[in-house]
Amino acid sequence: MDSQSIIVLVLFAAAVGFMGWRLYKALSIEQGSGCGKGCGCSPQKGSIKKA
């Protein structure tokens, strides 16, 4: 295997790993998430004031 093939395989593996991580985060259910995207935009507990 030449060096170009190794570089391509490493980049491909990194891209697959990144996409898997994003898919895992998108599908994982977190309590209290605001918009469901897992971006952490949910309000902190106690920061919502009841009228």
Protein backbone atom coordinates (compact mmCIF):
# COMPACT_ATOMS: atom_id res chain seq x y z
CA MET A 1 0.00 0.00 0.00
CA ASP A 2 1.37 3.37 -0.93
CA SER A 3 1.19 6.47 1.23
CA GLN A 4 -1.68 8.02 -0.75
CA SER A 5 -3.91 5.01 -0.09
CA ILE A 6 -3.10 5.11 3.61
CA ILE A 7 -3.94 8.82 3.79
CA VAL A 8 -7.23 8.26 1.95
CA LEU A 9 -8.17 5.39 4.28
CA VAL A 10 -7.37 7.45 7.38
CA LEU A 11 -9.44 10.39 6.11
CA PHE A 12 -12.32 8.07 5.18
CA ALA A 13 -12.24 6.42 8.61
CA ALA A 14 -12.24 9.84 10.28
CA ALA A 15 -15.23 10.95 8.19
CA VAL A 16 -17.17 7.76 8.98
CA GLY A 17 -16.37 8.16 12.67
CA PHE A 18 -17.51 11.79 12.64
CA MET A 19 -20.77 10.93 10.90
CA GLY A 20 -21.38 8.07 13.34
CA TRP A 21 -20.80 10.41 16.28
CA ARG A 22 -23.22 12.97 14.83
CA LEU A 23 -25.83 10.27 14.20
CA TYR A 24 -25.43 8.98 17.75
CA LYS A 25 -25.88 12.47 19.17
CA ALA A 26 -28.92 13.10 16.98
CA LEU A 27 -30.60 9.85 17.99
CA SER A 28 -29.72 9.83 21.67
CA ILE A 29 -32.52 11.00 23.91
CA GLU A 30 -31.49 13.53 26.49
CA GLN A 31 -33.77 14.75 29.22
CA GLY A 32 -34.67 18.41 28.91
CA SER A 33 -33.28 19.10 25.47
CA GLY A 34 -34.80 22.26 24.06
CA CYS A 35 -35.11 21.79 20.33
CA GLY A 36 -34.29 18.08 20.01
CA LYS A 37 -31.09 18.60 18.06
CA GLY A 38 -28.84 17.97 21.04
CA CYS A 39 -27.16 21.34 20.68
CA GLY A 40 -27.63 22.23 24.33
CA CYS A 41 -30.01 25.13 23.77
CA SER A 42 -32.37 23.99 26.49
CA PRO A 43 -32.90 26.34 29.41
CA GLN A 44 -31.23 25.46 32.69
CA LYS A 45 -33.40 24.13 35.48
CA GLY A 46 -34.56 26.98 37.66
CA SER A 47 -34.07 29.60 34.96
CA ILE A 48 -37.69 29.39 33.86
CA LYS A 49 -39.86 31.62 36.01
CA LYS A 50 -43.43 30.59 36.51
CA ALA A 51 -46.08 33.32 36.35
